[in-house]
Amino acid sequence: MATARCCPADCALRSDWEDELRAEKAMLSEEPVREFHRLLKLLGHPLRLNIILMLLKRDHCVCEFFYVFEEPQNLISYNLKKLKDGGLIESYYRSNHKIYTLNGTMMPVLRRIMGAAIS
């Protein structure tokens, strides 16, 4: 574990300290951090989080969400659209039913984030 340093007075140490902080600041503004923030915002709504938890187990028809959540159709549809626009879920049709599934590329990330909730 690295030792904690705070605002060193020695000029030589201060230069190294400032360089380290600049590198950390640059890292915090990079794309992975912004993407993680976007993902957390999408999952921050309880209904969207519950939809994802259901989809981690299997694909679901939109009517199943209506039945489980007992929420107005427009509220469920709005949150499904947010998740779809955010790239977390996809949809397809089976007969006349719209089926939702997790985006295959996002599934490992979601499983890792949600690991505690689904175990």
N, C-alpha and C. Protein backbone atom coordinates (compact mmCIF):
# COMPACT_ATOMS: atom_id res chain seq x y z
N MET A 1 0.84 -1.18 0.00
CA MET A 1 0.00 0.00 0.00
C MET A 1 0.89 1.24 0.00
N ALA A 2 0.52 2.22 -0.82
CA ALA A 2 1.32 3.44 -0.92
C ALA A 2 1.14 4.28 0.34
N THR A 3 2.20 5.00 0.65
CA THR A 3 2.12 5.88 1.81
C THR A 3 1.35 7.14 1.45
N ALA A 4 0.64 7.66 2.40
CA ALA A 4 -0.14 8.88 2.17
C ALA A 4 0.76 10.10 2.29
N ARG A 5 0.63 10.98 1.32
CA ARG A 5 1.38 12.23 1.36
C ARG A 5 0.40 13.35 1.17
N CYS A 6 0.63 14.42 1.84
CA CYS A 6 -0.27 15.56 1.69
C CYS A 6 0.55 16.84 1.60
N CYS A 7 0.41 17.51 0.50
CA CYS A 7 1.00 18.84 0.29
C CYS A 7 2.42 18.95 0.84
N PRO A 8 3.38 18.23 0.27
CA PRO A 8 4.75 18.30 0.79
C PRO A 8 5.36 19.69 0.64
N ALA A 9 6.15 20.06 1.62
CA ALA A 9 6.79 21.37 1.61
C ALA A 9 8.08 21.35 0.80
N ASP A 10 8.76 20.24 0.75
CA ASP A 10 10.01 20.10 0.01
C ASP A 10 9.70 20.24 -1.49
N CYS A 11 10.42 21.15 -2.18
CA CYS A 11 10.15 21.44 -3.58
C CYS A 11 10.28 20.21 -4.47
N ALA A 12 11.29 19.39 -4.24
CA ALA A 12 11.49 18.19 -5.05
C ALA A 12 10.31 17.23 -4.88
N LEU A 13 9.89 17.04 -3.66
CA LEU A 13 8.76 16.16 -3.39
C LEU A 13 7.46 16.76 -3.93
N ARG A 14 7.36 18.06 -3.81
CA ARG A 14 6.14 18.75 -4.26
C ARG A 14 5.95 18.57 -5.76
N SER A 15 7.00 18.62 -6.53
CA SER A 15 6.91 18.45 -7.97
C SER A 15 6.38 17.05 -8.31
N ASP A 16 6.92 16.02 -7.66
CA ASP A 16 6.44 14.65 -7.87
C ASP A 16 4.98 14.52 -7.46
N TRP A 17 4.65 15.13 -6.34
CA TRP A 17 3.29 15.10 -5.81
C TRP A 17 2.31 15.73 -6.81
N GLU A 18 2.69 16.90 -7.35
CA GLU A 18 1.84 17.57 -8.33
C GLU A 18 1.68 16.74 -9.60
N ASP A 19 2.77 16.11 -10.04
CA ASP A 19 2.71 15.25 -11.23
C ASP A 19 1.73 14.10 -11.02
N GLU A 20 1.79 13.47 -9.87
CA GLU A 20 0.89 12.37 -9.56
C GLU A 20 -0.56 12.84 -9.55
N LEU A 21 -0.80 14.00 -8.96
CA LEU A 21 -2.17 14.51 -8.90
C LEU A 21 -2.69 14.90 -10.28
N ARG A 22 -1.83 15.44 -11.14
CA ARG A 22 -2.23 15.77 -12.51
C ARG A 22 -2.63 14.50 -13.26
N ALA A 23 -1.84 13.43 -13.08
CA ALA A 23 -2.15 12.17 -13.74
C ALA A 23 -3.48 11.60 -13.23
N GLU A 24 -3.71 11.70 -11.93
CA GLU A 24 -4.99 11.22 -11.37
C GLU A 24 -6.16 12.05 -11.89
N LYS A 25 -5.98 13.35 -11.99
CA LYS A 25 -7.03 14.23 -12.49
C LYS A 25 -7.36 13.89 -13.94
N ALA A 26 -6.33 13.63 -14.75
CA ALA A 26 -6.56 13.26 -16.14
C ALA A 26 -7.32 11.94 -16.24
N MET A 27 -6.97 10.99 -15.38
CA MET A 27 -7.64 9.70 -15.39
C MET A 27 -9.13 9.85 -15.08
N LEU A 28 -9.48 10.75 -14.17
CA LEU A 28 -10.87 10.93 -13.77
C LEU A 28 -11.73 11.55 -14.85
N SER A 29 -11.12 12.19 -15.82
CA SER A 29 -11.90 12.82 -16.89
C SER A 29 -11.93 11.96 -18.15
N GLU A 30 -11.42 10.74 -18.09
CA GLU A 30 -11.37 9.89 -19.28
C GLU A 30 -12.71 9.22 -19.54
N GLU A 31 -12.83 8.69 -20.74
CA GLU A 31 -14.07 8.08 -21.22
C GLU A 31 -14.58 6.94 -20.33
N PRO A 32 -13.76 6.02 -19.83
CA PRO A 32 -14.31 4.95 -18.98
C PRO A 32 -15.04 5.47 -17.75
N VAL A 33 -14.56 6.55 -17.18
CA VAL A 33 -15.23 7.11 -16.01
C VAL A 33 -16.57 7.72 -16.41
N ARG A 34 -16.59 8.42 -17.54
CA ARG A 34 -17.86 8.99 -18.01
C ARG A 34 -18.86 7.89 -18.36
N GLU A 35 -18.38 6.81 -18.96
CA GLU A 35 -19.25 5.70 -19.32
C GLU A 35 -19.81 5.01 -18.07
N PHE A 36 -18.98 4.84 -17.06
CA PHE A 36 -19.43 4.23 -15.81
C PHE A 36 -20.47 5.12 -15.13
N HIS A 37 -20.25 6.42 -15.17
CA HIS A 37 -21.21 7.37 -14.61
C HIS A 37 -22.55 7.28 -15.34
N ARG A 38 -22.52 7.20 -16.66
CA ARG A 38 -23.74 7.08 -17.45
C ARG A 38 -24.48 5.79 -17.09
N LEU A 39 -23.75 4.72 -16.94
CA LEU A 39 -24.34 3.43 -16.59
C LEU A 39 -24.99 3.48 -15.20
N LEU A 40 -24.30 4.08 -14.25
CA LEU A 40 -24.86 4.18 -12.91
C LEU A 40 -26.11 5.05 -12.87
N LYS A 41 -26.13 6.11 -13.68
CA LYS A 41 -27.32 6.96 -13.75
C LYS A 41 -28.50 6.17 -14.31
N LEU A 42 -28.25 5.37 -15.33
CA LEU A 42 -29.32 4.56 -15.90
C LEU A 42 -29.86 3.56 -14.88
N LEU A 43 -28.97 3.00 -14.08
CA LEU A 43 -29.38 1.99 -13.10
C LEU A 43 -29.86 2.62 -11.80
N GLY A 44 -29.81 3.93 -11.71
CA GLY A 44 -30.17 4.62 -10.48
C GLY A 44 -31.67 4.65 -10.20
N HIS A 45 -32.49 4.42 -11.19
CA HIS A 45 -33.94 4.42 -10.99
C HIS A 45 -34.38 3.01 -10.58
N PRO A 46 -35.16 2.88 -9.52
CA PRO A 46 -35.54 1.53 -9.02
C PRO A 46 -36.24 0.66 -10.06
N LEU A 47 -37.10 1.24 -10.88
CA LEU A 47 -37.79 0.43 -11.88
C LEU A 47 -36.82 -0.10 -12.93
N ARG A 48 -35.90 0.74 -13.39
CA ARG A 48 -34.91 0.29 -14.37
C ARG A 48 -34.01 -0.78 -13.76
N LEU A 49 -33.64 -0.60 -12.52
CA LEU A 49 -32.81 -1.59 -11.84
C LEU A 49 -33.54 -2.93 -11.75
N ASN A 50 -34.82 -2.90 -11.42
CA ASN A 50 -35.60 -4.14 -11.34
C ASN A 50 -35.78 -4.80 -12.70
N ILE A 51 -35.93 -4.00 -13.74
CA ILE A 51 -36.02 -4.55 -15.09
C ILE A 51 -34.73 -5.30 -15.43
N ILE A 52 -33.59 -4.68 -15.14
CA ILE A 52 -32.30 -5.32 -15.41
C ILE A 52 -32.17 -6.61 -14.61
N LEU A 53 -32.57 -6.59 -13.34
CA LEU A 53 -32.49 -7.81 -12.52
C LEU A 53 -33.34 -8.92 -13.12
N MET A 54 -34.51 -8.59 -13.62
CA MET A 54 -35.33 -9.62 -14.27
C MET A 54 -34.66 -10.15 -15.53
N LEU A 55 -34.07 -9.23 -16.31
CA LEU A 55 -33.45 -9.65 -17.57
C LEU A 55 -32.15 -10.42 -17.37
N LEU A 56 -31.56 -10.31 -16.21
CA LEU A 56 -30.36 -11.10 -15.93
C LEU A 56 -30.70 -12.58 -15.86
N LYS A 57 -31.93 -12.91 -15.51
CA LYS A 57 -32.35 -14.30 -15.40
C LYS A 57 -32.79 -14.87 -16.75
N ARG A 58 -33.58 -14.09 -17.52
CA ARG A 58 -34.05 -14.53 -18.84
C ARG A 58 -34.69 -13.36 -19.57
N ASP A 59 -34.96 -13.55 -20.86
CA ASP A 59 -35.66 -12.54 -21.66
C ASP A 59 -37.11 -12.47 -21.19
N HIS A 60 -37.71 -11.27 -21.33
CA HIS A 60 -39.09 -11.08 -20.90
C HIS A 60 -39.89 -10.31 -21.93
N CYS A 61 -41.16 -10.70 -22.03
CA CYS A 61 -42.13 -9.97 -22.85
C CYS A 61 -42.51 -8.70 -22.10
N VAL A 62 -42.82 -7.66 -22.84
CA VAL A 62 -43.19 -6.40 -22.21
C VAL A 62 -44.40 -6.58 -21.30
N CYS A 63 -45.33 -7.47 -21.66
CA CYS A 63 -46.52 -7.67 -20.82
C CYS A 63 -46.15 -8.25 -19.46
N GLU A 64 -45.04 -8.98 -19.38
CA GLU A 64 -44.58 -9.52 -18.09
C GLU A 64 -44.14 -8.40 -17.15
N PHE A 65 -43.54 -7.37 -17.70
CA PHE A 65 -43.16 -6.22 -16.88
C PHE A 65 -44.40 -5.52 -16.32
N PHE A 66 -45.43 -5.39 -17.17
CA PHE A 66 -46.68 -4.79 -16.70
C PHE A 66 -47.25 -5.58 -15.54
N TYR A 67 -47.23 -6.90 -15.67
CA TYR A 67 -47.79 -7.77 -14.64
C TYR A 67 -47.00 -7.70 -13.33
N VAL A 68 -45.68 -7.78 -13.43
CA VAL A 68 -44.83 -7.83 -12.24
C VAL A 68 -44.82 -6.49 -11.50
N PHE A 69 -44.67 -5.40 -12.21
CA PHE A 69 -44.48 -4.11 -11.55
C PHE A 69 -45.77 -3.38 -11.21
N GLU A 70 -46.87 -3.77 -11.85
CA GLU A 70 -48.15 -3.13 -11.59
C GLU A 70 -48.05 -1.60 -11.66
N GLU A 71 -47.34 -1.14 -12.66
CA GLU A 71 -47.15 0.29 -12.92
C GLU A 71 -47.86 0.63 -14.22
N PRO A 72 -48.16 1.90 -14.45
CA PRO A 72 -48.78 2.29 -15.72
C PRO A 72 -47.90 1.92 -16.92
N GLN A 73 -48.56 1.57 -18.00
CA GLN A 73 -47.85 1.15 -19.21
C GLN A 73 -46.87 2.20 -19.69
N ASN A 74 -47.25 3.48 -19.61
CA ASN A 74 -46.37 4.54 -20.12
C ASN A 74 -45.10 4.66 -19.27
N LEU A 75 -45.18 4.41 -17.97
CA LEU A 75 -44.01 4.47 -17.10
C LEU A 75 -43.03 3.33 -17.41
N ILE A 76 -43.56 2.15 -17.60
CA ILE A 76 -42.70 1.00 -17.94
C ILE A 76 -42.09 1.20 -19.32
N SER A 77 -42.89 1.62 -20.28
CA SER A 77 -42.38 1.85 -21.64
C SER A 77 -41.30 2.92 -21.66
N TYR A 78 -41.50 3.99 -20.90
CA TYR A 78 -40.51 5.06 -20.83
C TYR A 78 -39.17 4.53 -20.29
N ASN A 79 -39.22 3.75 -19.23
CA ASN A 79 -37.98 3.22 -18.65
C ASN A 79 -37.33 2.16 -19.52
N LEU A 80 -38.12 1.36 -20.23
CA LEU A 80 -37.55 0.42 -21.19
C LEU A 80 -36.83 1.19 -22.31
N LYS A 81 -37.45 2.28 -22.76
CA LYS A 81 -36.81 3.10 -23.81
C LYS A 81 -35.50 3.70 -23.32
N LYS A 82 -35.47 4.19 -22.07
CA LYS A 82 -34.22 4.74 -21.51
C LYS A 82 -33.12 3.68 -21.50
N LEU A 83 -33.47 2.47 -21.07
CA LEU A 83 -32.49 1.38 -21.04
C LEU A 83 -32.04 0.99 -22.44
N LYS A 84 -32.98 0.99 -23.37
CA LYS A 84 -32.64 0.64 -24.75
C LYS A 84 -31.78 1.72 -25.39
N ASP A 85 -32.15 2.98 -25.22
CA ASP A 85 -31.35 4.08 -25.75
C ASP A 85 -29.97 4.12 -25.11
N GLY A 86 -29.87 3.69 -23.86
CA GLY A 86 -28.60 3.65 -23.16
C GLY A 86 -27.73 2.46 -23.54
N GLY A 87 -28.26 1.58 -24.38
CA GLY A 87 -27.48 0.45 -24.85
C GLY A 87 -27.43 -0.73 -23.90
N LEU A 88 -28.27 -0.73 -22.88
CA LEU A 88 -28.24 -1.84 -21.92
C LEU A 88 -29.13 -3.00 -22.32
N ILE A 89 -30.21 -2.72 -23.04
CA ILE A 89 -31.12 -3.77 -23.46
C ILE A 89 -31.41 -3.66 -24.95
N GLU A 90 -31.95 -4.74 -25.50
CA GLU A 90 -32.38 -4.79 -26.89
C GLU A 90 -33.75 -5.42 -26.92
N SER A 91 -34.44 -5.31 -28.03
CA SER A 91 -35.75 -5.94 -28.15
C SER A 91 -35.84 -6.66 -29.48
N TYR A 92 -36.74 -7.63 -29.51
CA TYR A 92 -37.05 -8.36 -30.73
C TYR A 92 -38.50 -8.82 -30.62
N TYR A 93 -39.05 -9.25 -31.74
CA TYR A 93 -40.44 -9.70 -31.74
C TYR A 93 -40.48 -11.21 -31.86
N ARG A 94 -41.34 -11.82 -31.05
CA ARG A 94 -41.66 -13.23 -31.15
C ARG A 94 -43.17 -13.27 -31.33
N SER A 95 -43.59 -13.66 -32.52
CA SER A 95 -45.00 -13.60 -32.88
C SER A 95 -45.43 -12.13 -32.79
N ASN A 96 -46.44 -11.83 -31.98
CA ASN A 96 -46.89 -10.44 -31.83
C ASN A 96 -46.38 -9.82 -30.54
N HIS A 97 -45.46 -10.46 -29.87
CA HIS A 97 -44.99 -9.99 -28.58
C HIS A 97 -43.60 -9.38 -28.68
N LYS A 98 -43.44 -8.24 -28.07
CA LYS A 98 -42.13 -7.60 -28.02
C LYS A 98 -41.38 -8.16 -26.82
N ILE A 99 -40.20 -8.71 -27.08
CA ILE A 99 -39.39 -9.35 -26.05
C ILE A 99 -38.14 -8.50 -25.81
N TYR A 100 -37.80 -8.34 -24.55
CA TYR A 100 -36.61 -7.57 -24.19
C TYR A 100 -35.53 -8.51 -23.66
N THR A 101 -34.31 -8.19 -24.00
CA THR A 101 -33.15 -8.97 -23.59
C THR A 101 -32.01 -8.02 -23.26
N LEU A 102 -31.07 -8.49 -22.49
CA LEU A 102 -29.89 -7.67 -22.20
C LEU A 102 -29.01 -7.59 -23.43
N ASN A 103 -28.39 -6.47 -23.63
CA ASN A 103 -27.40 -6.30 -24.69
C ASN A 103 -26.24 -7.24 -24.37
N GLY A 104 -25.88 -8.09 -25.31
CA GLY A 104 -24.85 -9.09 -25.09
C GLY A 104 -23.51 -8.51 -24.66
N THR A 105 -23.15 -7.35 -25.19
CA THR A 105 -21.86 -6.77 -24.83
C THR A 105 -21.88 -6.19 -23.42
N MET A 106 -23.06 -5.84 -22.94
CA MET A 106 -23.16 -5.25 -21.60
C MET A 106 -23.38 -6.30 -20.51
N MET A 107 -23.73 -7.52 -20.88
CA MET A 107 -24.08 -8.52 -19.89
C MET A 107 -22.96 -8.79 -18.88
N PRO A 108 -21.70 -8.96 -19.29
CA PRO A 108 -20.66 -9.19 -18.27
C PRO A 108 -20.51 -8.03 -17.29
N VAL A 109 -20.64 -6.81 -17.81
CA VAL A 109 -20.53 -5.63 -16.95
C VAL A 109 -21.68 -5.61 -15.96
N LEU A 110 -22.89 -5.83 -16.47
CA LEU A 110 -24.07 -5.81 -15.59
C LEU A 110 -24.01 -6.94 -14.57
N ARG A 111 -23.58 -8.11 -14.99
CA ARG A 111 -23.47 -9.23 -14.03
C ARG A 111 -22.48 -8.90 -12.93
N ARG A 112 -21.41 -8.25 -13.29
CA ARG A 112 -20.42 -7.89 -12.27
C ARG A 112 -20.97 -6.85 -11.31
N ILE A 113 -21.61 -5.81 -11.85
CA ILE A 113 -22.17 -4.75 -11.01
C ILE A 113 -23.28 -5.31 -10.13
N MET A 114 -24.11 -6.14 -10.70
CA MET A 114 -25.29 -6.64 -10.00
C MET A 114 -25.03 -7.96 -9.27
N GLY A 115 -23.80 -8.41 -9.28
CA GLY A 115 -23.45 -9.71 -8.71
C GLY A 115 -24.05 -9.98 -7.36
N ALA A 116 -23.98 -9.06 -6.46
CA ALA A 116 -24.50 -9.27 -5.11
C ALA A 116 -26.02 -9.38 -5.12
N ALA A 117 -26.67 -8.67 -6.02
CA ALA A 117 -28.12 -8.65 -6.03
C ALA A 117 -28.72 -9.94 -6.60
N ILE A 118 -28.00 -10.63 -7.48
CA ILE A 118 -28.58 -11.82 -8.10
C ILE A 118 -28.08 -13.12 -7.47
N SER A 119 -27.18 -13.05 -6.54
CA SER A 119 -26.66 -14.30 -5.95
C SER A 119 -27.52 -14.78 -4.81
